[in-house]
Amino acid sequence: MKFSGVVFIALLLISCNGINKIMKSKDHDYKLRMAEQYYAKKKYNYAQQIYEDVMPYYRGTPGFEDLYYKYAYTAFYQKDYANAENLFKTFLEIYPNSTRAEEVDYMRAYSFYKQSPKPELDQTNTIKAIGMMQTFINTHPGSARNKEATAIIDICRNKLETKEKNAAQLYYDIGQYHAASVAFNTLLNTYPDSEKADEYKMMSIKAYFKYAELSVEEKKAERFEKVVEECHDFIDRFPQSQFSKEVEQYLTQSQNNLKTYSNEPAKKTT
């Protein structure tokens, strides 16, 4: 282990000395050749340093497009996605008619996707990724990348859905039942085609039932009546749901409670 560590440090020092020697050279063509070699060997940190150094000398030349293209990728391959996105954007501004424009346009959107965090964190980049991928699809309707772009949009939407579901569940877990019911209902309206749509509807009913139970006496009747209405709507919309039995129990309990708290039809809530 100690021998391996010594070898690693020695190789690291050799590499550092090598890059320092290249950077001190006044031969820009030599530097560019070395950058290309580092890029081919996937030593993107070294390639990036040299590209940055020689870039002013090649700006406006026929080879600058390829140089800048690879320079942008050095950021991406080092997982510096925010910088990569900006570099891909600049490439498109400089070379809008490049044969690489479609690829780079996709990579710009993909860089936003790579910055998309876990569902519990801020989802600004996830939303941006959805917008950028949809724009890519609209701009390049015949692209072979559209299938992957569509899949990424679905992944991002699922992440947003998960974040909203977790927020709704948190309201329920801390006993904020009215807020939970509203949140689950909003979730259902936002993602009506979700495979969990019936679960969201059931949770909205469950939360509102608890809200009705905890209400002051004069409000119980109208709130249990709303539960009854929502249960009937669930049965109509999701007749084959695995949650049907649970919803029917809430329906029966609410109807029984209505007999207790009201001798006449309760007013509908607004």
C-alpha atoms as a PDB file:
ATOM      1  CA  MET A   1       0.000   0.000   0.000  1.00  0.00           C
ATOM      2  CA  LYS A   2       2.829   2.398   0.914  1.00  0.00           C
ATOM      3  CA  PHE A   3       4.645   1.576  -2.342  1.00  0.00           C
ATOM      4  CA  SER A   4       1.479   2.252  -4.359  1.00  0.00           C
ATOM      5  CA  GLY A   5       1.057   5.579  -2.602  1.00  0.00           C
ATOM      6  CA  VAL A   6       4.608   6.603  -3.413  1.00  0.00           C
ATOM      7  CA  VAL A   7       4.139   5.644  -7.063  1.00  0.00           C
ATOM      8  CA  PHE A   8       0.919   7.645  -7.248  1.00  0.00           C
ATOM      9  CA  ILE A   9       2.569  10.758  -5.802  1.00  0.00           C
ATOM     10  CA  ALA A  10       5.501  10.366  -8.175  1.00  0.00           C
ATOM     11  CA  LEU A  11       3.222  10.097 -11.187  1.00  0.00           C
ATOM     12  CA  LEU A  12       1.245  13.090  -9.969  1.00  0.00           C
ATOM     13  CA  LEU A  13       4.399  15.186  -9.686  1.00  0.00           C
ATOM     14  CA  ILE A  14       5.495  14.124 -13.179  1.00  0.00           C
ATOM     15  CA  SER A  15       2.091  15.072 -14.584  1.00  0.00           C
ATOM     16  CA  CYS A  16       2.155  18.456 -12.841  1.00  0.00           C
ATOM     17  CA  ASN A  17       5.643  19.161 -14.083  1.00  0.00           C
ATOM     18  CA  GLY A  18       4.535  18.149 -17.574  1.00  0.00           C
ATOM     19  CA  ILE A  19       1.561  20.505 -17.656  1.00  0.00           C
ATOM     20  CA  ASN A  20       3.624  23.328 -16.171  1.00  0.00           C
ATOM     21  CA  LYS A  21       6.246  22.884 -18.887  1.00  0.00           C
ATOM     22  CA  ILE A  22       3.568  22.952 -21.581  1.00  0.00           C
ATOM     23  CA  MET A  23       1.942  26.065 -20.143  1.00  0.00           C
ATOM     24  CA  LYS A  24       5.281  27.912 -20.152  1.00  0.00           C
ATOM     25  CA  SER A  25       5.848  27.189 -23.837  1.00  0.00           C
ATOM     26  CA  LYS A  26       5.513  30.028 -26.346  1.00  0.00           C
ATOM     27  CA  ASP A  27       4.578  27.594 -29.149  1.00  0.00           C
ATOM     28  CA  HIS A  28       0.770  27.775 -29.322  1.00  0.00           C
ATOM     29  CA  ASP A  29       0.490  25.039 -31.933  1.00  0.00           C
ATOM     30  CA  TYR A  30       2.455  22.728 -29.648  1.00  0.00           C
ATOM     31  CA  LYS A  31       0.196  23.620 -26.743  1.00  0.00           C
ATOM     32  CA  LEU A  32      -2.909  22.872 -28.792  1.00  0.00           C
ATOM     33  CA  ARG A  33      -1.519  19.503 -29.861  1.00  0.00           C
ATOM     34  CA  MET A  34      -0.861  18.642 -26.225  1.00  0.00           C
ATOM     35  CA  ALA A  35      -4.377  19.755 -25.254  1.00  0.00           C
ATOM     36  CA  GLU A  36      -5.735  17.415 -27.909  1.00  0.00           C
ATOM     37  CA  GLN A  37      -3.653  14.577 -26.503  1.00  0.00           C
ATOM     38  CA  TYR A  38      -4.862  15.216 -22.969  1.00  0.00           C
ATOM     39  CA  TYR A  39      -8.448  15.394 -24.241  1.00  0.00           C
ATOM     40  CA  ALA A  40      -8.071  12.070 -26.072  1.00  0.00           C
ATOM     41  CA  LYS A  41      -6.671  10.510 -22.895  1.00  0.00           C
ATOM     42  CA  LYS A  42      -9.635  11.924 -20.906  1.00  0.00           C
ATOM     43  CA  LYS A  43      -7.384  14.094 -18.792  1.00  0.00           C
ATOM     44  CA  TYR A  44      -9.908  16.870 -19.052  1.00  0.00           C
ATOM     45  CA  ASN A  45      -8.502  19.075 -16.296  1.00  0.00           C
ATOM     46  CA  TYR A  46      -5.194  19.476 -18.137  1.00  0.00           C
ATOM     47  CA  ALA A  47      -6.876  19.825 -21.515  1.00  0.00           C
ATOM     48  CA  GLN A  48      -9.137  22.538 -20.123  1.00  0.00           C
ATOM     49  CA  GLN A  49      -6.201  24.562 -18.772  1.00  0.00           C
ATOM     50  CA  ILE A  50      -4.393  24.506 -22.095  1.00  0.00           C
ATOM     51  CA  TYR A  51      -7.517  25.270 -24.142  1.00  0.00           C
ATOM     52  CA  GLU A  52      -8.142  28.311 -21.959  1.00  0.00           C
ATOM     53  CA  ASP A  53      -4.563  29.473 -22.440  1.00  0.00           C
ATOM     54  CA  VAL A  54      -4.441  29.192 -26.251  1.00  0.00           C
ATOM     55  CA  MET A  55      -8.032  30.230 -26.958  1.00  0.00           C
ATOM     56  CA  PRO A  56      -7.242  33.936 -27.599  1.00  0.00           C
ATOM     57  CA  TYR A  57      -4.682  32.981 -30.258  1.00  0.00           C
ATOM     58  CA  TYR A  58      -7.097  30.818 -32.258  1.00  0.00           C
ATOM     59  CA  ARG A  59     -10.241  32.921 -31.979  1.00  0.00           C
ATOM     60  CA  GLY A  60     -11.584  33.613 -35.470  1.00  0.00           C
ATOM     61  CA  THR A  61      -9.578  30.822 -37.095  1.00  0.00           C
ATOM     62  CA  PRO A  62     -11.135  27.764 -38.806  1.00  0.00           C
ATOM     63  CA  GLY A  63      -9.985  25.539 -35.935  1.00  0.00           C
ATOM     64  CA  PHE A  64     -11.622  27.582 -33.184  1.00  0.00           C
ATOM     65  CA  GLU A  65     -14.984  25.832 -33.489  1.00  0.00           C
ATOM     66  CA  ASP A  66     -13.475  22.441 -32.712  1.00  0.00           C
ATOM     67  CA  LEU A  67     -11.360  23.933 -29.921  1.00  0.00           C
ATOM     68  CA  TYR A  68     -14.349  25.590 -28.242  1.00  0.00           C
ATOM     69  CA  TYR A  69     -16.495  22.499 -28.716  1.00  0.00           C
ATOM     70  CA  LYS A  70     -13.991  20.346 -26.838  1.00  0.00           C
ATOM     71  CA  TYR A  71     -13.402  23.078 -24.269  1.00  0.00           C
ATOM     72  CA  ALA A  72     -17.121  23.028 -23.406  1.00  0.00           C
ATOM     73  CA  TYR A  73     -17.009  19.266 -23.023  1.00  0.00           C
ATOM     74  CA  THR A  74     -14.033  19.446 -20.643  1.00  0.00           C
ATOM     75  CA  ALA A  75     -16.327  21.261 -18.196  1.00  0.00           C
ATOM     76  CA  PHE A  76     -19.120  18.739 -18.720  1.00  0.00           C
ATOM     77  CA  TYR A  77     -16.858  15.717 -18.259  1.00  0.00           C
ATOM     78  CA  GLN A  78     -15.564  17.205 -15.009  1.00  0.00           C
ATOM     79  CA  LYS A  79     -19.186  17.517 -13.841  1.00  0.00           C
ATOM     80  CA  ASP A  80     -19.031  21.307 -13.811  1.00  0.00           C
ATOM     81  CA  TYR A  81     -22.495  21.362 -15.325  1.00  0.00           C
ATOM     82  CA  ALA A  82     -23.322  25.012 -14.668  1.00  0.00           C
ATOM     83  CA  ASN A  83     -20.185  26.112 -16.537  1.00  0.00           C
ATOM     84  CA  ALA A  84     -20.781  23.512 -19.248  1.00  0.00           C
ATOM     85  CA  GLU A  85     -24.307  24.804 -19.851  1.00  0.00           C
ATOM     86  CA  ASN A  86     -22.985  28.332 -20.268  1.00  0.00           C
ATOM     87  CA  LEU A  87     -20.231  27.164 -22.638  1.00  0.00           C
ATOM     88  CA  PHE A  88     -22.664  25.159 -24.768  1.00  0.00           C
ATOM     89  CA  LYS A  89     -24.902  28.233 -24.917  1.00  0.00           C
ATOM     90  CA  THR A  90     -21.989  30.411 -26.048  1.00  0.00           C
ATOM     91  CA  PHE A  91     -21.016  27.851 -28.695  1.00  0.00           C
ATOM     92  CA  LEU A  92     -24.513  28.096 -30.176  1.00  0.00           C
ATOM     93  CA  GLU A  93     -24.329  31.884 -30.158  1.00  0.00           C
ATOM     94  CA  ILE A  94     -21.011  31.820 -32.020  1.00  0.00           C
ATOM     95  CA  TYR A  95     -21.848  28.927 -34.372  1.00  0.00           C
ATOM     96  CA  PRO A  96     -25.658  28.773 -34.773  1.00  0.00           C
ATOM     97  CA  ASN A  97     -25.333  27.003 -38.135  1.00  0.00           C
ATOM     98  CA  SER A  98     -22.705  24.481 -37.061  1.00  0.00           C
ATOM     99  CA  THR A  99     -23.222  20.836 -37.964  1.00  0.00           C
ATOM    100  CA  ARG A 100     -22.829  20.278 -34.215  1.00  0.00           C
ATOM    101  CA  ALA A 101     -25.569  22.738 -33.276  1.00  0.00           C
ATOM    102  CA  GLU A 102     -28.210  20.083 -32.619  1.00  0.00           C
ATOM    103  CA  GLU A 103     -25.877  18.055 -30.419  1.00  0.00           C
ATOM    104  CA  VAL A 104     -24.744  21.102 -28.460  1.00  0.00           C
ATOM    105  CA  ASP A 105     -28.311  22.351 -28.075  1.00  0.00           C
ATOM    106  CA  TYR A 106     -29.206  18.995 -26.552  1.00  0.00           C
ATOM    107  CA  MET A 107     -26.149  19.015 -24.301  1.00  0.00           C
ATOM    108  CA  ARG A 108     -27.104  22.431 -22.991  1.00  0.00           C
ATOM    109  CA  ALA A 109     -30.498  21.079 -21.934  1.00  0.00           C
ATOM    110  CA  TYR A 110     -28.863  17.918 -20.608  1.00  0.00           C
ATOM    111  CA  SER A 111     -26.541  20.037 -18.451  1.00  0.00           C
ATOM    112  CA  PHE A 112     -29.607  21.480 -16.701  1.00  0.00           C
ATOM    113  CA  TYR A 113     -30.880  17.948 -16.164  1.00  0.00           C
ATOM    114  CA  LYS A 114     -27.548  16.920 -14.619  1.00  0.00           C
ATOM    115  CA  GLN A 115     -27.952  19.775 -12.125  1.00  0.00           C
ATOM    116  CA  SER A 116     -31.384  18.515 -11.063  1.00  0.00           C
ATOM    117  CA  PRO A 117     -31.143  17.614  -7.349  1.00  0.00           C
ATOM    118  CA  LYS A 118     -32.970  15.153  -5.107  1.00  0.00           C
ATOM    119  CA  PRO A 119     -36.754  15.701  -4.848  1.00  0.00           C
ATOM    120  CA  GLU A 120     -36.545  17.284  -1.380  1.00  0.00           C
ATOM    121  CA  LEU A 121     -34.306  20.109  -2.630  1.00  0.00           C
ATOM    122  CA  ASP A 122     -35.065  23.175  -4.746  1.00  0.00           C
ATOM    123  CA  GLN A 123     -36.210  22.067  -8.201  1.00  0.00           C
ATOM    124  CA  THR A 124     -35.423  25.203 -10.227  1.00  0.00           C
ATOM    125  CA  ASN A 125     -32.995  23.333 -12.492  1.00  0.00           C
ATOM    126  CA  THR A 126     -35.442  20.453 -12.888  1.00  0.00           C
ATOM    127  CA  ILE A 127     -38.071  22.881 -14.159  1.00  0.00           C
ATOM    128  CA  LYS A 128     -35.491  24.493 -16.459  1.00  0.00           C
ATOM    129  CA  ALA A 129     -34.490  21.061 -17.762  1.00  0.00           C
ATOM    130  CA  ILE A 130     -38.101  20.282 -18.661  1.00  0.00           C
ATOM    131  CA  GLY A 131     -38.438  23.583 -20.500  1.00  0.00           C
ATOM    132  CA  MET A 132     -35.122  23.211 -22.310  1.00  0.00           C
ATOM    133  CA  MET A 133     -35.803  19.618 -23.359  1.00  0.00           C
ATOM    134  CA  GLN A 134     -39.260  20.552 -24.641  1.00  0.00           C
ATOM    135  CA  THR A 135     -37.764  23.473 -26.559  1.00  0.00           C
ATOM    136  CA  PHE A 136     -35.190  21.095 -28.051  1.00  0.00           C
ATOM    137  CA  ILE A 137     -37.948  18.726 -29.199  1.00  0.00           C
ATOM    138  CA  ASN A 138     -39.893  21.610 -30.727  1.00  0.00           C
ATOM    139  CA  THR A 139     -36.784  23.041 -32.423  1.00  0.00           C
ATOM    140  CA  HIS A 140     -35.522  19.685 -33.725  1.00  0.00           C
ATOM    141  CA  PRO A 141     -38.690  17.652 -34.457  1.00  0.00           C
ATOM    142  CA  GLY A 142     -36.810  15.011 -36.443  1.00  0.00           C
ATOM    143  CA  SER A 143     -33.928  14.500 -34.031  1.00  0.00           C
ATOM    144  CA  ALA A 144     -32.932  11.003 -32.954  1.00  0.00           C
ATOM    145  CA  ARG A 145     -32.367  12.494 -29.494  1.00  0.00           C
ATOM    146  CA  ASN A 146     -36.047  13.323 -28.998  1.00  0.00           C
ATOM    147  CA  LYS A 147     -36.828   9.913 -27.529  1.00  0.00           C
ATOM    148  CA  GLU A 148     -34.241  10.441 -24.818  1.00  0.00           C
ATOM    149  CA  ALA A 149     -35.367  14.046 -24.339  1.00  0.00           C
ATOM    150  CA  THR A 150     -38.945  12.872 -23.787  1.00  0.00           C
ATOM    151  CA  ALA A 151     -37.760  10.257 -21.284  1.00  0.00           C
ATOM    152  CA  ILE A 152     -35.835  12.927 -19.369  1.00  0.00           C
ATOM    153  CA  ILE A 153     -38.917  15.166 -19.272  1.00  0.00           C
ATOM    154  CA  ASP A 154     -40.842  12.260 -17.739  1.00  0.00           C
ATOM    155  CA  ILE A 155     -38.098  11.689 -15.154  1.00  0.00           C
ATOM    156  CA  CYS A 156     -38.117  15.373 -14.232  1.00  0.00           C
ATOM    157  CA  ARG A 157     -41.897  15.514 -13.982  1.00  0.00           C
ATOM    158  CA  ASN A 158     -41.845  12.447 -11.735  1.00  0.00           C
ATOM    159  CA  LYS A 159     -39.324  14.206  -9.510  1.00  0.00           C
ATOM    160  CA  LEU A 160     -41.550  17.292  -9.250  1.00  0.00           C
ATOM    161  CA  GLU A 161     -44.523  15.052  -8.529  1.00  0.00           C
ATOM    162  CA  THR A 162     -42.578  13.265  -5.791  1.00  0.00           C
ATOM    163  CA  LYS A 163     -41.614  16.583  -4.194  1.00  0.00           C
ATOM    164  CA  GLU A 164     -45.252  17.750  -4.147  1.00  0.00           C
ATOM    165  CA  LYS A 165     -46.427  14.376  -2.847  1.00  0.00           C
ATOM    166  CA  ASN A 166     -43.901  14.519  -0.012  1.00  0.00           C
ATOM    167  CA  ALA A 167     -45.045  18.027   0.877  1.00  0.00           C
ATOM    168  CA  ALA A 168     -48.696  16.935   0.943  1.00  0.00           C
ATOM    169  CA  GLN A 169     -47.809  13.901   3.057  1.00  0.00           C
ATOM    170  CA  LEU A 170     -45.914  16.120   5.493  1.00  0.00           C
ATOM    171  CA  TYR A 171     -49.028  18.257   6.014  1.00  0.00           C
ATOM    172  CA  TYR A 172     -50.916  15.073   6.830  1.00  0.00           C
ATOM    173  CA  ASP A 173     -48.215  13.707   9.143  1.00  0.00           C
ATOM    174  CA  ILE A 174     -48.113  16.887  11.242  1.00  0.00           C
ATOM    175  CA  GLY A 175     -51.887  17.013  11.533  1.00  0.00           C
ATOM    176  CA  GLN A 176     -52.564  19.869   9.110  1.00  0.00           C
ATOM    177  CA  TYR A 177     -55.423  17.929   7.570  1.00  0.00           C
ATOM    178  CA  HIS A 178     -57.164  20.707   5.665  1.00  0.00           C
ATOM    179  CA  ALA A 179     -53.876  21.775   4.067  1.00  0.00           C
ATOM    180  CA  ALA A 180     -53.108  18.119   3.311  1.00  0.00           C
ATOM    181  CA  SER A 181     -56.446  17.607   1.606  1.00  0.00           C
ATOM    182  CA  VAL A 182     -55.966  20.711  -0.534  1.00  0.00           C
ATOM    183  CA  ALA A 183     -52.378  19.685  -1.379  1.00  0.00           C
ATOM    184  CA  PHE A 184     -53.344  16.152  -2.440  1.00  0.00           C
ATOM    185  CA  ASN A 185     -56.221  17.513  -4.510  1.00  0.00           C
ATOM    186  CA  THR A 186     -53.883  20.013  -6.191  1.00  0.00           C
ATOM    187  CA  LEU A 187     -51.449  17.166  -6.853  1.00  0.00           C
ATOM    188  CA  LEU A 188     -54.232  15.208  -8.545  1.00  0.00           C
ATOM    189  CA  ASN A 189     -55.205  18.183 -10.695  1.00  0.00           C
ATOM    190  CA  THR A 190     -51.577  18.831 -11.668  1.00  0.00           C
ATOM    191  CA  TYR A 191     -50.863  15.195 -12.529  1.00  0.00           C
ATOM    192  CA  PRO A 192     -54.253  13.754 -13.575  1.00  0.00           C
ATOM    193  CA  ASP A 193     -52.627  10.980 -15.604  1.00  0.00           C
ATOM    194  CA  SER A 194     -50.338   9.856 -12.789  1.00  0.00           C
ATOM    195  CA  GLU A 195     -50.400   6.169 -11.923  1.00  0.00           C
ATOM    196  CA  LYS A 196     -50.916   7.357  -8.345  1.00  0.00           C
ATOM    197  CA  ALA A 197     -53.939   9.530  -9.130  1.00  0.00           C
ATOM    198  CA  ASP A 198     -56.334   7.309  -7.174  1.00  0.00           C
ATOM    199  CA  GLU A 199     -53.981   7.361  -4.176  1.00  0.00           C
ATOM    200  CA  TYR A 200     -53.909  11.167  -4.228  1.00  0.00           C
ATOM    201  CA  LYS A 201     -57.703  11.294  -4.348  1.00  0.00           C
ATOM    202  CA  MET A 202     -57.989   8.802  -1.505  1.00  0.00           C
ATOM    203  CA  MET A 203     -55.499  10.759   0.628  1.00  0.00           C
ATOM    204  CA  SER A 204     -57.428  13.958  -0.022  1.00  0.00           C
ATOM    205  CA  ILE A 205     -60.583  12.223   1.239  1.00  0.00           C
ATOM    206  CA  LYS A 206     -58.774  10.707   4.215  1.00  0.00           C
ATOM    207  CA  ALA A 207     -57.297  14.068   5.233  1.00  0.00           C
ATOM    208  CA  TYR A 208     -60.604  15.902   4.853  1.00  0.00           C
ATOM    209  CA  PHE A 209     -62.382  13.218   6.890  1.00  0.00           C
ATOM    210  CA  LYS A 210     -59.958  13.832   9.756  1.00  0.00           C
ATOM    211  CA  TYR A 211     -60.413  17.580   9.291  1.00  0.00           C
ATOM    212  CA  ALA A 212     -64.180  17.094   9.597  1.00  0.00           C
ATOM    213  CA  GLU A 213     -63.769  14.946  12.727  1.00  0.00           C
ATOM    214  CA  LEU A 214     -61.736  17.669  14.431  1.00  0.00           C
ATOM    215  CA  SER A 215     -64.019  20.531  13.367  1.00  0.00           C
ATOM    216  CA  VAL A 216     -66.258  22.471  15.730  1.00  0.00           C
ATOM    217  CA  GLU A 217     -69.729  20.957  16.101  1.00  0.00           C
ATOM    218  CA  GLU A 218     -71.520  23.463  13.861  1.00  0.00           C
ATOM    219  CA  LYS A 219     -69.116  22.714  10.964  1.00  0.00           C
ATOM    220  CA  LYS A 220     -69.063  18.927  11.152  1.00  0.00           C
ATOM    221  CA  ALA A 221     -72.206  18.288   9.081  1.00  0.00           C
ATOM    222  CA  GLU A 222     -71.199  20.335   6.055  1.00  0.00           C
ATOM    223  CA  ARG A 223     -67.679  18.911   6.119  1.00  0.00           C
ATOM    224  CA  PHE A 224     -68.801  15.306   6.361  1.00  0.00           C
ATOM    225  CA  GLU A 225     -71.170  16.030   3.484  1.00  0.00           C
ATOM    226  CA  LYS A 226     -68.171  17.154   1.444  1.00  0.00           C
ATOM    227  CA  VAL A 227     -66.438  13.862   2.286  1.00  0.00           C
ATOM    228  CA  VAL A 228     -69.506  12.010   1.000  1.00  0.00           C
ATOM    229  CA  GLU A 229     -69.400  14.010  -2.256  1.00  0.00           C
ATOM    230  CA  GLU A 230     -65.689  13.331  -2.707  1.00  0.00           C
ATOM    231  CA  CYS A 231     -66.161   9.617  -2.026  1.00  0.00           C
ATOM    232  CA  HIS A 232     -68.850   9.380  -4.705  1.00  0.00           C
ATOM    233  CA  ASP A 233     -66.551  11.230  -7.119  1.00  0.00           C
ATOM    234  CA  PHE A 234     -63.757   8.750  -6.327  1.00  0.00           C
ATOM    235  CA  ILE A 235     -66.036   5.760  -6.981  1.00  0.00           C
ATOM    236  CA  ASP A 236     -67.071   7.226 -10.339  1.00  0.00           C
ATOM    237  CA  ARG A 237     -63.518   8.053 -11.434  1.00  0.00           C
ATOM    238  CA  PHE A 238     -61.640   5.044 -10.086  1.00  0.00           C
ATOM    239  CA  PRO A 239     -64.040   2.066 -10.022  1.00  0.00           C
ATOM    240  CA  GLN A 240     -61.191  -0.498 -10.131  1.00  0.00           C
ATOM    241  CA  SER A 241     -58.898   1.179  -7.610  1.00  0.00           C
ATOM    242  CA  GLN A 242     -57.158  -0.781  -4.891  1.00  0.00           C
ATOM    243  CA  PHE A 243     -58.285   1.978  -2.520  1.00  0.00           C
ATOM    244  CA  SER A 244     -62.003   1.519  -3.260  1.00  0.00           C
ATOM    245  CA  LYS A 245     -62.691  -0.450  -0.089  1.00  0.00           C
ATOM    246  CA  GLU A 246     -60.997   2.166   2.095  1.00  0.00           C
ATOM    247  CA  VAL A 247     -62.933   4.977   0.420  1.00  0.00           C
ATOM    248  CA  GLU A 248     -66.203   3.095   0.891  1.00  0.00           C
ATOM    249  CA  GLN A 249     -65.430   2.926   4.617  1.00  0.00           C
ATOM    250  CA  TYR A 250     -64.970   6.702   4.734  1.00  0.00           C
ATOM    251  CA  LEU A 251     -68.229   7.056   2.837  1.00  0.00           C
ATOM    252  CA  THR A 252     -70.134   4.869   5.303  1.00  0.00           C
ATOM    253  CA  GLN A 253     -68.611   6.578   8.339  1.00  0.00           C
ATOM    254  CA  SER A 254     -69.364  10.029   6.948  1.00  0.00           C
ATOM    255  CA  GLN A 255     -72.975   9.109   6.155  1.00  0.00           C
ATOM    256  CA  ASN A 256     -73.394   7.789   9.708  1.00  0.00           C
ATOM    257  CA  ASN A 257     -71.855  10.964  11.119  1.00  0.00           C
ATOM    258  CA  LEU A 258     -74.240  13.051   9.054  1.00  0.00           C
ATOM    259  CA  LYS A 259     -77.171  11.320  10.770  1.00  0.00           C
ATOM    260  CA  THR A 260     -75.689  12.358  14.097  1.00  0.00           C
ATOM    261  CA  TYR A 261     -74.788  15.934  13.321  1.00  0.00           C
ATOM    262  CA  SER A 262     -77.607  16.941  11.013  1.00  0.00           C
ATOM    263  CA  ASN A 263     -81.326  16.353  10.865  1.00  0.00           C
ATOM    264  CA  GLU A 264     -81.502  18.116   7.516  1.00  0.00           C
ATOM    265  CA  PRO A 265     -79.279  18.408   4.417  1.00  0.00           C
ATOM    266  CA  ALA A 266     -76.122  20.251   5.343  1.00  0.00           C
ATOM    267  CA  LYS A 267     -75.070  23.345   3.468  1.00  0.00           C
ATOM    268  CA  LYS A 268     -72.328  22.826   0.939  1.00  0.00           C
ATOM    269  CA  THR A 269     -68.995  24.345   1.716  1.00  0.00           C
ATOM    270  CA  THR A 270     -67.647  27.096  -0.449  1.00  0.00           C
END
